[in-house]
């Protein structure tokens, strides 16, 4: 397998090979030595993945050399995993579209069921607006604790134990 890997490294441009070939071989040998004692299926999957990665990387590097240094795939063709350049995996958009389709389908079926049973639920009158009962207690809560803090500070200030007095008592070099 190492001989095949060395031959496939020739797919990369010469400048890239000169710079990275030895490092790539060392990393491959380390990864291969980790898989030596594993099952045949695991070793086969590892070899296929490494060959596919090597060929894909060589193709990408050839395109980068041919098109220019600013070339980059906007969606790397090799993975559906999270990368630094992306906030979500690419599969997120597909899954979100499927979920949206399921929600739309459920709403449609619910409307169909409601339309098929017209007299089960009697019509209700207009819904009256309800005023918020949560806002006044929150405002009272905040005002109460603000007032309590102000009273506490006033007591400390009167006893000359507030931070202002402590800073005034410090020697000049520590301020």
C-alpha atoms as a PDB file:
ATOM      1  CA  UNK A   1       0.000   0.000   0.000  1.00  0.00           C
ATOM      2  CA  UNK A   2       2.906   2.344   0.720  1.00  0.00           C
ATOM      3  CA  UNK A   3       4.179   1.902  -2.857  1.00  0.00           C
ATOM      4  CA  UNK A   4       0.748   2.768  -4.254  1.00  0.00           C
ATOM      5  CA  UNK A   5       0.579   5.823  -1.988  1.00  0.00           C
ATOM      6  CA  UNK A   6       4.014   6.988  -3.207  1.00  0.00           C
ATOM      7  CA  UNK A   7       2.931   6.559  -6.835  1.00  0.00           C
ATOM      8  CA  UNK A   8      -0.293   8.475  -6.234  1.00  0.00           C
ATOM      9  CA  UNK A   9       1.680  11.345  -4.714  1.00  0.00           C
ATOM     10  CA  UNK A  10       2.962  11.958  -8.248  1.00  0.00           C
ATOM     11  CA  UNK A  11      -0.501  13.290  -9.100  1.00  0.00           C
ATOM     12  CA  UNK A  12       0.347  16.434  -7.119  1.00  0.00           C
ATOM     13  CA  UNK A  13       2.274  19.265  -8.787  1.00  0.00           C
ATOM     14  CA  UNK A  14       6.072  18.976  -8.417  1.00  0.00           C
ATOM     15  CA  UNK A  15       6.405  22.028  -6.163  1.00  0.00           C
ATOM     16  CA  UNK A  16       3.759  20.675  -3.819  1.00  0.00           C
ATOM     17  CA  UNK A  17       5.424  17.248  -3.757  1.00  0.00           C
ATOM     18  CA  UNK A  18       8.813  18.748  -2.921  1.00  0.00           C
ATOM     19  CA  UNK A  19       7.354  20.657  -0.007  1.00  0.00           C
ATOM     20  CA  UNK A  20       4.895  18.166   1.490  1.00  0.00           C
ATOM     21  CA  UNK A  21       5.552  14.627   0.169  1.00  0.00           C
ATOM     22  CA  UNK A  22       7.759  13.445   3.031  1.00  0.00           C
ATOM     23  CA  UNK A  23       5.382  14.804   5.634  1.00  0.00           C
ATOM     24  CA  UNK A  24       2.391  13.213   3.904  1.00  0.00           C
ATOM     25  CA  UNK A  25       4.205   9.864   3.763  1.00  0.00           C
ATOM     26  CA  UNK A  26       5.091  10.079   7.464  1.00  0.00           C
ATOM     27  CA  UNK A  27       1.509  10.862   8.443  1.00  0.00           C
ATOM     28  CA  UNK A  28       0.222   8.030   6.247  1.00  0.00           C
ATOM     29  CA  UNK A  29       2.683   5.559   7.782  1.00  0.00           C
ATOM     30  CA  UNK A  30       1.632   6.586  11.297  1.00  0.00           C
ATOM     31  CA  UNK A  31      -2.046   6.207  10.446  1.00  0.00           C
ATOM     32  CA  UNK A  32      -1.402   2.888   8.721  1.00  0.00           C
ATOM     33  CA  UNK A  33       0.529   1.535  11.727  1.00  0.00           C
ATOM     34  CA  UNK A  34      -2.486   2.373  13.921  1.00  0.00           C
ATOM     35  CA  UNK A  35      -4.673   0.169  11.686  1.00  0.00           C
ATOM     36  CA  UNK A  36      -2.342  -2.836  11.346  1.00  0.00           C
ATOM     37  CA  UNK A  37      -4.057  -4.928  14.027  1.00  0.00           C
ATOM     38  CA  UNK A  38      -7.603  -4.058  13.046  1.00  0.00           C
ATOM     39  CA  UNK A  39     -10.052  -6.110  11.007  1.00  0.00           C
ATOM     40  CA  UNK A  40      -9.723  -6.442   7.253  1.00  0.00           C
ATOM     41  CA  UNK A  41     -12.859  -4.357   6.648  1.00  0.00           C
ATOM     42  CA  UNK A  42     -11.523  -1.474   8.767  1.00  0.00           C
ATOM     43  CA  UNK A  43      -8.152  -1.574   6.979  1.00  0.00           C
ATOM     44  CA  UNK A  44      -9.877  -1.658   3.570  1.00  0.00           C
ATOM     45  CA  UNK A  45     -12.074   1.332   4.421  1.00  0.00           C
ATOM     46  CA  UNK A  46      -8.991   3.192   5.671  1.00  0.00           C
ATOM     47  CA  UNK A  47      -7.108   2.503   2.423  1.00  0.00           C
ATOM     48  CA  UNK A  48     -10.039   3.542   0.232  1.00  0.00           C
ATOM     49  CA  UNK A  49     -10.516   6.736   2.236  1.00  0.00           C
ATOM     50  CA  UNK A  50      -6.806   7.595   2.020  1.00  0.00           C
ATOM     51  CA  UNK A  51      -6.629   6.952  -1.732  1.00  0.00           C
ATOM     52  CA  UNK A  52      -9.779   8.992  -2.366  1.00  0.00           C
ATOM     53  CA  UNK A  53      -8.430  11.814  -0.200  1.00  0.00           C
ATOM     54  CA  UNK A  54      -5.090  11.772  -1.984  1.00  0.00           C
ATOM     55  CA  UNK A  55      -6.658  11.825  -5.462  1.00  0.00           C
ATOM     56  CA  UNK A  56      -9.141  14.549  -4.455  1.00  0.00           C
ATOM     57  CA  UNK A  57      -6.406  16.647  -2.873  1.00  0.00           C
ATOM     58  CA  UNK A  58      -4.222  16.285  -5.959  1.00  0.00           C
ATOM     59  CA  UNK A  59      -7.100  17.344  -8.211  1.00  0.00           C
ATOM     60  CA  UNK A  60      -7.828  20.354  -6.027  1.00  0.00           C
ATOM     61  CA  UNK A  61      -4.155  21.367  -5.967  1.00  0.00           C
ATOM     62  CA  UNK A  62      -3.871  20.999  -9.762  1.00  0.00           C
ATOM     63  CA  UNK A  63      -6.941  23.241 -10.173  1.00  0.00           C
ATOM     64  CA  UNK A  64      -5.446  25.751  -7.740  1.00  0.00           C
ATOM     65  CA  UNK A  65      -2.215  25.828  -9.775  1.00  0.00           C
ATOM     66  CA  UNK A  66      -4.108  26.088 -13.092  1.00  0.00           C
ATOM     67  CA  UNK A  67      -6.617  28.744 -12.025  1.00  0.00           C
ATOM     68  CA  UNK A  68      -4.559  30.711  -9.526  1.00  0.00           C
ATOM     69  CA  UNK A  69      -3.741  30.988  -5.838  1.00  0.00           C
ATOM     70  CA  UNK A  70      -7.092  32.578  -4.999  1.00  0.00           C
ATOM     71  CA  UNK A  71      -8.959  29.496  -6.182  1.00  0.00           C
ATOM     72  CA  UNK A  72     -11.047  27.722  -3.546  1.00  0.00           C
ATOM     73  CA  UNK A  73     -14.076  25.502  -3.761  1.00  0.00           C
ATOM     74  CA  UNK A  74     -17.004  27.328  -2.226  1.00  0.00           C
ATOM     75  CA  UNK A  75     -18.324  23.932  -1.134  1.00  0.00           C
ATOM     76  CA  UNK A  76     -15.546  21.379  -0.683  1.00  0.00           C
ATOM     77  CA  UNK A  77     -16.730  18.257  -2.515  1.00  0.00           C
ATOM     78  CA  UNK A  78     -15.162  15.807  -0.089  1.00  0.00           C
ATOM     79  CA  UNK A  79     -17.058  16.363   3.135  1.00  0.00           C
ATOM     80  CA  UNK A  80     -20.302  17.165   4.834  1.00  0.00           C
ATOM     81  CA  UNK A  81     -18.655  17.984   8.144  1.00  0.00           C
ATOM     82  CA  UNK A  82     -18.218  21.295   9.898  1.00  0.00           C
ATOM     83  CA  UNK A  83     -15.262  23.352   8.709  1.00  0.00           C
ATOM     84  CA  UNK A  84     -13.798  26.624   9.952  1.00  0.00           C
ATOM     85  CA  UNK A  85     -15.231  28.498   6.965  1.00  0.00           C
ATOM     86  CA  UNK A  86     -18.791  27.300   7.555  1.00  0.00           C
ATOM     87  CA  UNK A  87     -21.080  27.844  10.484  1.00  0.00           C
ATOM     88  CA  UNK A  88     -23.177  24.714   9.884  1.00  0.00           C
ATOM     89  CA  UNK A  89     -22.633  21.451   8.047  1.00  0.00           C
ATOM     90  CA  UNK A  90     -24.003  21.574   4.499  1.00  0.00           C
ATOM     91  CA  UNK A  91     -26.497  18.861   5.341  1.00  0.00           C
ATOM     92  CA  UNK A  92     -28.261  21.304   7.703  1.00  0.00           C
ATOM     93  CA  UNK A  93     -29.995  23.084   4.815  1.00  0.00           C
ATOM     94  CA  UNK A  94     -31.334  19.794   3.453  1.00  0.00           C
ATOM     95  CA  UNK A  95     -32.560  18.660   6.867  1.00  0.00           C
ATOM     96  CA  UNK A  96     -34.205  22.017   7.535  1.00  0.00           C
ATOM     97  CA  UNK A  97     -35.977  21.850   4.162  1.00  0.00           C
ATOM     98  CA  UNK A  98     -37.258  18.359   5.009  1.00  0.00           C
ATOM     99  CA  UNK A  99     -38.530  19.541   8.386  1.00  0.00           C
ATOM    100  CA  UNK A 100     -40.230  22.545   6.770  1.00  0.00           C
ATOM    101  CA  UNK A 101     -41.886  20.228   4.259  1.00  0.00           C
ATOM    102  CA  UNK A 102     -43.117  18.020   7.108  1.00  0.00           C
ATOM    103  CA  UNK A 103     -44.577  21.014   8.963  1.00  0.00           C
ATOM    104  CA  UNK A 104     -46.344  22.290   5.831  1.00  0.00           C
ATOM    105  CA  UNK A 105     -47.738  18.798   5.180  1.00  0.00           C
ATOM    106  CA  UNK A 106     -48.976  18.512   8.796  1.00  0.00           C
ATOM    107  CA  UNK A 107     -50.703  21.909   8.560  1.00  0.00           C
ATOM    108  CA  UNK A 108     -52.356  20.931   5.290  1.00  0.00           C
ATOM    109  CA  UNK A 109     -53.616  17.648   6.748  1.00  0.00           C
ATOM    110  CA  UNK A 110     -54.909  19.458   9.835  1.00  0.00           C
ATOM    111  CA  UNK A 111     -56.816  21.913   7.639  1.00  0.00           C
ATOM    112  CA  UNK A 112     -58.269  19.009   5.635  1.00  0.00           C
ATOM    113  CA  UNK A 113     -59.431  17.280   8.813  1.00  0.00           C
ATOM    114  CA  UNK A 114     -60.950  20.505  10.165  1.00  0.00           C
ATOM    115  CA  UNK A 115     -62.760  21.082   6.848  1.00  0.00           C
ATOM    116  CA  UNK A 116     -64.200  17.539   6.864  1.00  0.00           C
ATOM    117  CA  UNK A 117     -65.745  18.028  10.344  1.00  0.00           C
ATOM    118  CA  UNK A 118     -67.598  21.366  10.091  1.00  0.00           C
ATOM    119  CA  UNK A 119     -70.079  20.975  13.009  1.00  0.00           C
ATOM    120  CA  UNK A 120     -67.906  19.396  15.686  1.00  0.00           C
ATOM    121  CA  UNK A 121     -66.645  22.652  17.174  1.00  0.00           C
ATOM    122  CA  UNK A 122     -69.159  25.481  17.580  1.00  0.00           C
ATOM    123  CA  UNK A 123     -68.130  28.930  16.447  1.00  0.00           C
ATOM    124  CA  UNK A 124     -66.690  31.095  19.178  1.00  0.00           C
ATOM    125  CA  UNK A 125     -67.159  34.809  19.571  1.00  0.00           C
ATOM    126  CA  UNK A 126     -64.465  37.387  18.971  1.00  0.00           C
ATOM    127  CA  UNK A 127     -61.361  37.040  21.092  1.00  0.00           C
ATOM    128  CA  UNK A 128     -60.943  39.951  23.474  1.00  0.00           C
ATOM    129  CA  UNK A 129     -57.477  41.440  24.066  1.00  0.00           C
ATOM    130  CA  UNK A 130     -55.927  40.680  27.443  1.00  0.00           C
ATOM    131  CA  UNK A 131     -53.767  43.257  29.159  1.00  0.00           C
ATOM    132  CA  UNK A 132     -50.401  42.152  30.465  1.00  0.00           C
ATOM    133  CA  UNK A 133     -50.378  41.307  34.154  1.00  0.00           C
ATOM    134  CA  UNK A 134     -46.675  40.475  34.211  1.00  0.00           C
ATOM    135  CA  UNK A 135     -45.126  43.870  33.492  1.00  0.00           C
ATOM    136  CA  UNK A 136     -46.271  45.819  36.613  1.00  0.00           C
ATOM    137  CA  UNK A 137     -44.881  43.251  39.122  1.00  0.00           C
ATOM    138  CA  UNK A 138     -41.539  43.171  37.259  1.00  0.00           C
ATOM    139  CA  UNK A 139     -41.295  46.970  37.393  1.00  0.00           C
ATOM    140  CA  UNK A 140     -42.213  46.934  41.101  1.00  0.00           C
ATOM    141  CA  UNK A 141     -39.570  44.250  41.741  1.00  0.00           C
ATOM    142  CA  UNK A 142     -36.840  46.264  40.011  1.00  0.00           C
ATOM    143  CA  UNK A 143     -37.835  49.513  41.747  1.00  0.00           C
ATOM    144  CA  UNK A 144     -37.925  47.820  45.168  1.00  0.00           C
ATOM    145  CA  UNK A 145     -34.417  46.395  44.852  1.00  0.00           C
ATOM    146  CA  UNK A 146     -33.090  49.629  43.376  1.00  0.00           C
ATOM    147  CA  UNK A 147     -34.496  51.515  46.365  1.00  0.00           C
ATOM    148  CA  UNK A 148     -33.080  48.906  48.780  1.00  0.00           C
ATOM    149  CA  UNK A 149     -29.637  49.262  47.193  1.00  0.00           C
ATOM    150  CA  UNK A 150     -29.856  53.043  47.382  1.00  0.00           C
ATOM    151  CA  UNK A 151     -30.812  52.888  51.091  1.00  0.00           C
ATOM    152  CA  UNK A 152     -27.951  50.479  51.767  1.00  0.00           C
ATOM    153  CA  UNK A 153     -25.469  52.750  50.009  1.00  0.00           C
ATOM    154  CA  UNK A 154     -26.790  55.787  51.905  1.00  0.00           C
ATOM    155  CA  UNK A 155     -26.275  53.987  55.228  1.00  0.00           C
ATOM    156  CA  UNK A 156     -22.723  53.003  54.288  1.00  0.00           C
ATOM    157  CA  UNK A 157     -22.025  56.543  53.083  1.00  0.00           C
ATOM    158  CA  UNK A 158     -23.325  57.989  56.349  1.00  0.00           C
ATOM    159  CA  UNK A 159     -21.114  55.609  58.342  1.00  0.00           C
ATOM    160  CA  UNK A 160     -18.166  56.545  56.112  1.00  0.00           C
ATOM    161  CA  UNK A 161     -17.672  52.932  55.027  1.00  0.00           C
ATOM    162  CA  UNK A 162     -18.471  53.294  51.332  1.00  0.00           C
ATOM    163  CA  UNK A 163     -15.914  52.835  48.584  1.00  0.00           C
ATOM    164  CA  UNK A 164     -15.544  56.593  48.158  1.00  0.00           C
ATOM    165  CA  UNK A 165     -14.339  56.985  51.742  1.00  0.00           C
ATOM    166  CA  UNK A 166     -12.043  53.981  51.554  1.00  0.00           C
ATOM    167  CA  UNK A 167     -10.364  55.370  48.433  1.00  0.00           C
ATOM    168  CA  UNK A 168      -9.921  58.731  50.142  1.00  0.00           C
ATOM    169  CA  UNK A 169      -8.112  57.046  53.065  1.00  0.00           C
ATOM    170  CA  UNK A 170      -5.614  55.186  50.864  1.00  0.00           C
ATOM    171  CA  UNK A 171      -2.048  56.474  50.526  1.00  0.00           C
ATOM    172  CA  UNK A 172      -1.336  58.299  47.260  1.00  0.00           C
ATOM    173  CA  UNK A 173       0.746  55.494  45.665  1.00  0.00           C
ATOM    174  CA  UNK A 174      -2.004  52.842  45.897  1.00  0.00           C
ATOM    175  CA  UNK A 175      -4.806  54.743  44.193  1.00  0.00           C
END
